[in-house]
């Protein structure tokens, strides 16, 4: 499935582009993701934990910058993962481009997602709704984390990496059950609006 989104960053385009390529800073905005050490080539290991009601899915895989065009300020992040039980796969490709927006920047992102196994059995419409909400949450997190509230050098506290907080998506499991409920409720409301 293909999901398009955009969000502003209150930093100049070159600086915003450089920050988006910093996996240490970007990974905490992917709900349920935990960045690991170096893997094959220029990839990094990643673990994504998803809770869906009583079901808990843990995906192990890699994430890497698959393409980059520094002159055009465009990059593609690519992730591949497999359910630890071997029953499912997840693949994501997120193309991001940075353009000037007044004194700051705007990031346009196009995400292509592929799911297999138990997660995909929820039905394509529901999976699309949940995925759109998750991509939207990720965009909001990136806009906040990469905003101007951080000190010189793009790091808080004068150059040191920020400690994760309880509100950072990467510090907790992805609780897809709540997102799934929100998506279902939005569909129910839409049906009643059409009938009303």
Protein backbone atom coordinates (compact mmCIF):
# COMPACT_ATOMS: atom_id res chain seq x y z
CA UNK A 1 0.00 0.00 0.00
CA UNK A 2 1.11 3.56 -0.69
CA UNK A 3 0.71 6.39 1.82
CA UNK A 4 1.64 10.01 1.16
CA UNK A 5 2.15 12.63 3.85
CA UNK A 6 4.01 15.86 4.47
CA UNK A 7 5.13 17.85 7.48
CA UNK A 8 7.06 21.05 8.25
CA UNK A 9 10.37 21.26 10.09
CA UNK A 10 11.43 24.62 11.49
CA UNK A 11 15.01 24.30 10.22
CA UNK A 12 16.75 25.25 6.96
CA UNK A 13 16.45 22.58 4.21
CA UNK A 14 20.09 21.41 4.31
CA UNK A 15 19.97 20.98 8.08
CA UNK A 16 16.57 19.25 8.00
CA UNK A 17 17.81 16.85 5.29
CA UNK A 18 20.93 15.97 7.30
CA UNK A 19 18.85 15.29 10.42
CA UNK A 20 16.49 12.98 8.51
CA UNK A 21 19.48 10.81 7.53
CA UNK A 22 20.48 10.32 11.18
CA UNK A 23 18.94 6.93 11.98
CA UNK A 24 19.65 7.34 15.71
CA UNK A 25 17.37 10.37 15.74
CA UNK A 26 14.75 9.16 13.26
CA UNK A 27 14.23 5.57 14.51
CA UNK A 28 12.52 6.54 17.81
CA UNK A 29 9.67 8.06 15.75
CA UNK A 30 8.79 4.69 14.22
CA UNK A 31 6.21 3.28 16.68
CA UNK A 32 7.46 0.17 18.45
CA UNK A 33 10.90 0.26 16.79
CA UNK A 34 14.20 -0.25 18.57
CA UNK A 35 17.42 0.39 16.65
CA UNK A 36 20.22 -2.13 17.12
CA UNK A 37 23.83 -2.39 16.02
CA UNK A 38 25.37 -2.48 12.56
CA UNK A 39 24.20 -5.24 10.25
CA UNK A 40 25.32 -6.20 6.73
CA UNK A 41 26.80 -3.35 4.68
CA UNK A 42 25.42 0.01 5.76
CA UNK A 43 22.28 -1.42 7.39
CA UNK A 44 21.32 -1.28 11.06
CA UNK A 45 19.50 -4.00 12.95
CA UNK A 46 15.97 -3.11 14.08
CA UNK A 47 13.32 -4.79 16.22
CA UNK A 48 9.66 -3.80 15.99
CA UNK A 49 7.19 -4.98 18.63
CA UNK A 50 3.46 -4.85 17.88
CA UNK A 51 0.70 -5.56 20.41
CA UNK A 52 -2.73 -6.26 18.97
CA UNK A 53 -5.02 -7.13 21.86
CA UNK A 54 -3.60 -10.28 23.46
CA UNK A 55 -1.43 -10.94 20.41
CA UNK A 56 2.20 -9.77 20.51
CA UNK A 57 4.21 -9.80 17.29
CA UNK A 58 7.96 -9.20 17.29
CA UNK A 59 9.69 -8.47 13.99
CA UNK A 60 13.49 -8.60 13.57
CA UNK A 61 15.10 -7.03 10.55
CA UNK A 62 17.21 -4.22 9.19
CA UNK A 63 16.81 -0.60 8.17
CA UNK A 64 19.09 1.33 5.86
CA UNK A 65 19.35 4.39 3.65
CA UNK A 66 18.78 2.70 0.30
CA UNK A 67 19.12 5.83 -1.85
CA UNK A 68 20.31 9.38 -1.30
CA UNK A 69 20.58 12.44 -3.51
CA UNK A 70 22.26 15.11 -1.42
CA UNK A 71 22.02 17.77 -4.13
CA UNK A 72 18.27 17.19 -4.51
CA UNK A 73 17.79 16.62 -0.76
CA UNK A 74 16.02 13.31 -1.34
CA UNK A 75 16.56 9.96 0.40
CA UNK A 76 14.87 6.58 0.66
CA UNK A 77 14.79 4.59 3.91
CA UNK A 78 14.15 0.89 3.51
CA UNK A 79 13.26 -1.67 6.15
CA UNK A 80 12.79 -5.44 5.95
CA UNK A 81 11.71 -7.61 8.86
CA UNK A 82 10.40 -11.06 9.66
CA UNK A 83 8.17 -12.21 12.50
CA UNK A 84 10.26 -14.12 15.04
CA UNK A 85 7.81 -17.00 14.74
CA UNK A 86 8.42 -17.04 10.99
CA UNK A 87 4.74 -16.50 10.20
CA UNK A 88 4.90 -13.01 8.72
CA UNK A 89 6.97 -10.38 7.02
CA UNK A 90 7.00 -6.60 6.86
CA UNK A 91 8.68 -4.40 4.29
CA UNK A 92 8.66 -0.62 4.17
CA UNK A 93 10.18 1.94 1.85
CA UNK A 94 9.88 5.62 2.73
CA UNK A 95 11.00 8.21 0.17
CA UNK A 96 11.54 11.64 1.72
CA UNK A 97 12.34 14.92 0.00
CA UNK A 98 13.06 18.26 1.67
CA UNK A 99 12.12 21.63 0.15
CA UNK A 100 12.31 25.22 1.41
CA UNK A 101 9.24 26.51 3.26
CA UNK A 102 9.68 30.13 4.33
CA UNK A 103 12.49 30.18 6.88
CA UNK A 104 12.13 26.44 7.46
CA UNK A 105 11.49 23.31 5.41
CA UNK A 106 8.73 20.99 4.35
CA UNK A 107 9.24 17.23 4.08
CA UNK A 108 7.20 15.23 1.60
CA UNK A 109 7.16 11.51 2.35
CA UNK A 110 5.79 8.58 0.37
CA UNK A 111 5.63 5.26 2.21
CA UNK A 112 5.19 1.91 0.46
CA UNK A 113 4.26 -0.85 2.92
CA UNK A 114 3.93 -4.60 2.44
CA UNK A 115 2.67 -6.95 5.16
CA UNK A 116 2.42 -10.72 5.14
CA UNK A 117 1.24 -13.24 7.71
CA UNK A 118 -1.07 -12.66 10.68
CA UNK A 119 -0.95 -8.84 10.53
CA UNK A 120 -2.14 -8.88 6.91
CA UNK A 121 -5.18 -11.03 7.77
CA UNK A 122 -6.98 -8.06 9.34
CA UNK A 123 -8.15 -7.02 5.89
CA UNK A 124 -6.68 -4.53 3.45
CA UNK A 125 -9.00 -1.63 4.31
CA UNK A 126 -8.32 -1.84 8.05
CA UNK A 127 -4.57 -2.29 7.52
CA UNK A 128 -4.55 0.80 5.29
CA UNK A 129 -6.40 2.90 7.89
CA UNK A 130 -4.08 1.78 10.69
CA UNK A 131 -1.00 2.35 8.52
CA UNK A 132 -2.13 5.88 7.61
CA UNK A 133 -2.54 6.73 11.29
CA UNK A 134 0.88 5.29 12.15
CA UNK A 135 2.59 7.21 9.32
CA UNK A 136 0.80 10.36 10.50
CA UNK A 137 2.03 9.77 14.08
CA UNK A 138 5.56 9.23 12.76
CA UNK A 139 5.45 12.49 10.78
CA UNK A 140 4.24 14.44 13.83
CA UNK A 141 7.00 12.92 15.96
CA UNK A 142 9.69 13.81 13.39
CA UNK A 143 8.44 17.40 13.15
CA UNK A 144 8.63 17.68 16.95
CA UNK A 145 11.97 15.90 17.51
CA UNK A 146 13.77 17.72 14.68
CA UNK A 147 12.31 21.13 15.52
CA UNK A 148 14.24 24.18 16.76
CA UNK A 149 13.74 23.43 20.46
CA UNK A 150 17.03 21.54 20.49
CA UNK A 151 20.28 23.35 21.20
CA UNK A 152 23.24 24.00 18.88
CA UNK A 153 24.43 21.09 16.81
CA UNK A 154 20.94 19.64 16.58
CA UNK A 155 21.24 17.95 19.97
CA UNK A 156 19.55 18.90 23.19
CA UNK A 157 21.59 19.85 26.26
CA UNK A 158 24.40 21.43 24.29
CA UNK A 159 25.26 18.48 22.08
CA UNK A 160 24.35 15.34 24.03
CA UNK A 161 21.72 12.91 22.79
CA UNK A 162 18.35 13.22 24.48
CA UNK A 163 17.21 10.47 26.79
CA UNK A 164 14.10 8.72 25.48
CA UNK A 165 10.93 9.65 27.32
CA UNK A 166 7.74 7.71 27.91
CA UNK A 167 6.09 9.69 25.13
CA UNK A 168 8.63 8.71 22.47
CA UNK A 169 7.01 6.09 20.20
CA UNK A 170 10.24 4.09 20.05
CA UNK A 171 10.37 3.52 23.82
CA UNK A 172 7.27 1.33 23.95
CA UNK A 173 5.59 -1.44 22.01
CA UNK A 174 3.40 -0.42 19.11
CA UNK A 175 -0.06 -0.86 20.61
CA UNK A 176 -1.87 -1.42 17.35
CA UNK A 177 -5.06 -2.45 19.13
CA UNK A 178 -5.79 1.15 20.14
CA UNK A 179 -4.99 2.39 16.64
CA UNK A 180 -7.15 -0.37 15.15
CA UNK A 181 -10.06 0.65 17.40
CA UNK A 182 -9.66 4.30 16.31
CA UNK A 183 -9.69 3.24 12.65
CA UNK A 184 -12.79 1.07 13.12
CA UNK A 185 -14.59 3.82 15.03
CA UNK A 186 -13.78 6.33 12.25
CA UNK A 187 -15.32 3.91 9.71
CA UNK A 188 -18.45 3.45 11.80
CA UNK A 189 -18.91 7.23 12.15
CA UNK A 190 -18.44 7.66 8.39
CA UNK A 191 -21.19 5.09 7.70
CA UNK A 192 -23.65 6.89 10.01
CA UNK A 193 -22.80 10.28 8.48
CA UNK A 194 -23.59 8.93 5.00
CA UNK A 195 -26.93 7.55 6.22
CA UNK A 196 -27.77 10.74 8.15
